[in-house]
């Protein structure tokens, strides 16, 4: 098992994202924490866990808005199979997300990198993608 820590700071506003990326027998586990504040809202904290294959294919995601002064805690847990069929934590199908291979958490630099790793495009190549977008109130 190997681990790598990655940290981003926001170009605008006040925010930091820390991801611990662990490579294990199942592939990759990304354990991320985002702490931020916009000018008009209270600070917020968001935690996520992403299970990826060794080829950077998403298999499961849990995103949790942690409690704070202004934010009510909330959590979403999703899974996606190799054919891009999505289910929630109750194993209910989510057909609106079918065909999406990645998740994009609005505040996360890391989740925006998932299709880059998965597709491994050569310089100058491009691809259209669909993602399951999670908008974080900020």
C-alpha atoms as a PDB file:
ATOM      1  CA  UNK A   1       0.000   0.000   0.000  1.00  0.00           C
ATOM      2  CA  UNK A   2       1.353   3.419  -0.950  1.00  0.00           C
ATOM      3  CA  UNK A   3      -0.038   6.828  -0.068  1.00  0.00           C
ATOM      4  CA  UNK A   4       0.406  10.289  -1.503  1.00  0.00           C
ATOM      5  CA  UNK A   5      -0.820  13.591  -0.094  1.00  0.00           C
ATOM      6  CA  UNK A   6      -1.887  16.365  -2.465  1.00  0.00           C
ATOM      7  CA  UNK A   7      -2.908  19.896  -1.444  1.00  0.00           C
ATOM      8  CA  UNK A   8      -4.479  22.668  -3.544  1.00  0.00           C
ATOM      9  CA  UNK A   9      -5.249  26.233  -2.561  1.00  0.00           C
ATOM     10  CA  UNK A  10      -7.969  28.271  -4.256  1.00  0.00           C
ATOM     11  CA  UNK A  11      -7.051  30.923  -6.798  1.00  0.00           C
ATOM     12  CA  UNK A  12     -10.070  32.945  -5.702  1.00  0.00           C
ATOM     13  CA  UNK A  13     -11.586  33.183  -2.264  1.00  0.00           C
ATOM     14  CA  UNK A  14     -10.259  31.355   0.751  1.00  0.00           C
ATOM     15  CA  UNK A  15     -10.092  27.571   0.381  1.00  0.00           C
ATOM     16  CA  UNK A  16      -7.836  24.552   0.616  1.00  0.00           C
ATOM     17  CA  UNK A  17      -8.296  20.955  -0.518  1.00  0.00           C
ATOM     18  CA  UNK A  18      -6.283  18.054   0.881  1.00  0.00           C
ATOM     19  CA  UNK A  19      -6.455  14.578  -0.658  1.00  0.00           C
ATOM     20  CA  UNK A  20      -4.749  11.464   0.614  1.00  0.00           C
ATOM     21  CA  UNK A  21      -4.526   9.065  -2.331  1.00  0.00           C
ATOM     22  CA  UNK A  22      -3.878   5.464  -1.292  1.00  0.00           C
ATOM     23  CA  UNK A  23      -3.028   2.719  -3.778  1.00  0.00           C
ATOM     24  CA  UNK A  24      -4.050  -0.699  -2.472  1.00  0.00           C
ATOM     25  CA  UNK A  25      -5.059  -4.148  -3.766  1.00  0.00           C
ATOM     26  CA  UNK A  26      -8.464  -2.804  -4.917  1.00  0.00           C
ATOM     27  CA  UNK A  27      -7.061   0.191  -6.812  1.00  0.00           C
ATOM     28  CA  UNK A  28      -7.131   3.722  -5.407  1.00  0.00           C
ATOM     29  CA  UNK A  29      -8.883   5.340  -2.472  1.00  0.00           C
ATOM     30  CA  UNK A  30      -9.085   9.138  -2.450  1.00  0.00           C
ATOM     31  CA  UNK A  31      -9.875  10.610   0.964  1.00  0.00           C
ATOM     32  CA  UNK A  32     -10.403  14.343   0.548  1.00  0.00           C
ATOM     33  CA  UNK A  33     -11.255  17.304   2.720  1.00  0.00           C
ATOM     34  CA  UNK A  34     -12.173  20.734   1.391  1.00  0.00           C
ATOM     35  CA  UNK A  35     -12.369  23.741   3.680  1.00  0.00           C
ATOM     36  CA  UNK A  36     -13.514  27.010   2.229  1.00  0.00           C
ATOM     37  CA  UNK A  37     -15.272  30.278   2.642  1.00  0.00           C
ATOM     38  CA  UNK A  38     -16.833  32.624   0.174  1.00  0.00           C
ATOM     39  CA  UNK A  39     -17.247  36.327   0.811  1.00  0.00           C
ATOM     40  CA  UNK A  40     -20.965  36.118   1.567  1.00  0.00           C
ATOM     41  CA  UNK A  41     -21.280  32.749   3.363  1.00  0.00           C
ATOM     42  CA  UNK A  42     -19.957  31.141   6.489  1.00  0.00           C
ATOM     43  CA  UNK A  43     -17.004  28.752   6.234  1.00  0.00           C
ATOM     44  CA  UNK A  44     -17.827  25.196   5.224  1.00  0.00           C
ATOM     45  CA  UNK A  45     -16.142  21.790   5.284  1.00  0.00           C
ATOM     46  CA  UNK A  46     -16.703  18.955   2.863  1.00  0.00           C
ATOM     47  CA  UNK A  47     -15.326  15.413   3.127  1.00  0.00           C
ATOM     48  CA  UNK A  48     -15.305  12.856   0.324  1.00  0.00           C
ATOM     49  CA  UNK A  49     -14.205   9.275  -0.213  1.00  0.00           C
ATOM     50  CA  UNK A  50     -13.804   7.966  -3.743  1.00  0.00           C
ATOM     51  CA  UNK A  51     -13.058   4.343  -4.644  1.00  0.00           C
ATOM     52  CA  UNK A  52     -11.326   4.065  -8.017  1.00  0.00           C
ATOM     53  CA  UNK A  53      -9.916   1.164  -9.986  1.00  0.00           C
ATOM     54  CA  UNK A  54      -6.199   1.154 -10.752  1.00  0.00           C
ATOM     55  CA  UNK A  55      -7.193   2.585 -14.180  1.00  0.00           C
ATOM     56  CA  UNK A  56      -8.852   5.583 -12.441  1.00  0.00           C
ATOM     57  CA  UNK A  57     -12.412   4.355 -13.092  1.00  0.00           C
ATOM     58  CA  UNK A  58     -14.795   5.528 -10.372  1.00  0.00           C
ATOM     59  CA  UNK A  59     -16.702   2.781  -8.540  1.00  0.00           C
ATOM     60  CA  UNK A  60     -18.052   4.494  -5.399  1.00  0.00           C
ATOM     61  CA  UNK A  61     -18.305   7.968  -3.906  1.00  0.00           C
ATOM     62  CA  UNK A  62     -19.427   9.378  -0.585  1.00  0.00           C
ATOM     63  CA  UNK A  63     -19.634  13.155  -0.251  1.00  0.00           C
ATOM     64  CA  UNK A  64     -20.486  14.685   3.116  1.00  0.00           C
ATOM     65  CA  UNK A  65     -21.032  18.338   3.952  1.00  0.00           C
ATOM     66  CA  UNK A  66     -19.814  18.576   7.533  1.00  0.00           C
ATOM     67  CA  UNK A  67     -21.844  20.534  10.072  1.00  0.00           C
ATOM     68  CA  UNK A  68     -20.939  24.146  10.654  1.00  0.00           C
ATOM     69  CA  UNK A  69     -22.573  27.318  11.892  1.00  0.00           C
ATOM     70  CA  UNK A  70     -24.620  27.942   8.744  1.00  0.00           C
ATOM     71  CA  UNK A  71     -24.616  24.602   6.949  1.00  0.00           C
ATOM     72  CA  UNK A  72     -26.827  21.664   7.731  1.00  0.00           C
ATOM     73  CA  UNK A  73     -24.913  18.404   7.392  1.00  0.00           C
ATOM     74  CA  UNK A  74     -25.754  16.350   4.341  1.00  0.00           C
ATOM     75  CA  UNK A  75     -24.402  13.210   2.687  1.00  0.00           C
ATOM     76  CA  UNK A  76     -24.738  11.427  -0.619  1.00  0.00           C
ATOM     77  CA  UNK A  77     -23.367   7.960  -1.381  1.00  0.00           C
ATOM     78  CA  UNK A  78     -23.253   6.666  -4.935  1.00  0.00           C
ATOM     79  CA  UNK A  79     -21.833   3.723  -6.823  1.00  0.00           C
ATOM     80  CA  UNK A  80     -21.192   3.273 -10.531  1.00  0.00           C
ATOM     81  CA  UNK A  81     -20.517   0.039 -12.392  1.00  0.00           C
ATOM     82  CA  UNK A  82     -18.165  -0.477 -15.379  1.00  0.00           C
ATOM     83  CA  UNK A  83     -21.019   0.286 -17.807  1.00  0.00           C
ATOM     84  CA  UNK A  84     -21.693   3.672 -16.098  1.00  0.00           C
ATOM     85  CA  UNK A  85     -24.940   2.615 -14.382  1.00  0.00           C
ATOM     86  CA  UNK A  86     -25.382   4.504 -11.087  1.00  0.00           C
ATOM     87  CA  UNK A  87     -27.055   3.552  -7.803  1.00  0.00           C
ATOM     88  CA  UNK A  88     -27.615   5.328  -4.517  1.00  0.00           C
ATOM     89  CA  UNK A  89     -26.883   3.987  -1.034  1.00  0.00           C
ATOM     90  CA  UNK A  90     -30.221   2.101  -1.035  1.00  0.00           C
ATOM     91  CA  UNK A  91     -29.163   0.336  -4.276  1.00  0.00           C
ATOM     92  CA  UNK A  92     -31.786   2.311  -6.211  1.00  0.00           C
ATOM     93  CA  UNK A  93     -30.930   3.028  -9.835  1.00  0.00           C
ATOM     94  CA  UNK A  94     -30.304   6.672 -10.772  1.00  0.00           C
ATOM     95  CA  UNK A  95     -31.001   6.705 -14.529  1.00  0.00           C
ATOM     96  CA  UNK A  96     -30.287  10.465 -14.851  1.00  0.00           C
ATOM     97  CA  UNK A  97     -26.607   9.694 -14.220  1.00  0.00           C
ATOM     98  CA  UNK A  98     -26.278   6.741 -16.596  1.00  0.00           C
ATOM     99  CA  UNK A  99     -23.404   7.266 -18.996  1.00  0.00           C
ATOM    100  CA  UNK A 100     -21.422   9.442 -16.570  1.00  0.00           C
ATOM    101  CA  UNK A 101     -18.059   7.908 -15.732  1.00  0.00           C
ATOM    102  CA  UNK A 102     -16.875  10.441 -13.170  1.00  0.00           C
ATOM    103  CA  UNK A 103     -18.122  12.612 -10.373  1.00  0.00           C
ATOM    104  CA  UNK A 104     -17.393  16.344 -10.265  1.00  0.00           C
ATOM    105  CA  UNK A 105     -17.679  18.016  -6.881  1.00  0.00           C
ATOM    106  CA  UNK A 106     -18.013  21.711  -7.705  1.00  0.00           C
ATOM    107  CA  UNK A 107     -15.330  22.836  -5.237  1.00  0.00           C
ATOM    108  CA  UNK A 108     -12.826  20.043  -5.910  1.00  0.00           C
ATOM    109  CA  UNK A 109      -9.725  20.300  -8.064  1.00  0.00           C
ATOM    110  CA  UNK A 110      -9.111  16.580  -7.567  1.00  0.00           C
ATOM    111  CA  UNK A 111     -12.418  15.383  -9.019  1.00  0.00           C
ATOM    112  CA  UNK A 112     -11.826  17.531 -12.089  1.00  0.00           C
ATOM    113  CA  UNK A 113      -8.651  15.484 -12.710  1.00  0.00           C
ATOM    114  CA  UNK A 114     -10.423  12.092 -12.788  1.00  0.00           C
ATOM    115  CA  UNK A 115     -11.249  12.025 -16.525  1.00  0.00           C
ATOM    116  CA  UNK A 116      -7.743  13.240 -17.331  1.00  0.00           C
ATOM    117  CA  UNK A 117      -6.263  10.205 -15.567  1.00  0.00           C
ATOM    118  CA  UNK A 118      -8.876   7.731 -16.841  1.00  0.00           C
ATOM    119  CA  UNK A 119      -8.720   8.749 -20.503  1.00  0.00           C
ATOM    120  CA  UNK A 120      -4.924   9.180 -20.674  1.00  0.00           C
ATOM    121  CA  UNK A 121      -5.240  11.280 -23.821  1.00  0.00           C
ATOM    122  CA  UNK A 122      -2.154  12.125 -25.836  1.00  0.00           C
ATOM    123  CA  UNK A 123      -1.184  15.794 -26.205  1.00  0.00           C
ATOM    124  CA  UNK A 124      -3.620  17.465 -28.594  1.00  0.00           C
ATOM    125  CA  UNK A 125      -6.308  14.784 -28.211  1.00  0.00           C
ATOM    126  CA  UNK A 126      -9.714  15.603 -26.789  1.00  0.00           C
ATOM    127  CA  UNK A 127     -12.836  13.769 -25.688  1.00  0.00           C
ATOM    128  CA  UNK A 128     -16.354  14.717 -24.670  1.00  0.00           C
ATOM    129  CA  UNK A 129     -17.355  13.485 -21.238  1.00  0.00           C
ATOM    130  CA  UNK A 130     -20.439  13.432 -19.034  1.00  0.00           C
ATOM    131  CA  UNK A 131     -20.028  13.716 -15.273  1.00  0.00           C
ATOM    132  CA  UNK A 132     -22.268  13.436 -12.242  1.00  0.00           C
ATOM    133  CA  UNK A 133     -22.048  16.976 -10.860  1.00  0.00           C
ATOM    134  CA  UNK A 134     -22.430  17.726  -7.156  1.00  0.00           C
ATOM    135  CA  UNK A 135     -22.915  21.400  -6.450  1.00  0.00           C
ATOM    136  CA  UNK A 136     -21.611  22.464  -3.067  1.00  0.00           C
ATOM    137  CA  UNK A 137     -23.263  25.495  -1.491  1.00  0.00           C
ATOM    138  CA  UNK A 138     -20.615  28.109  -0.950  1.00  0.00           C
END
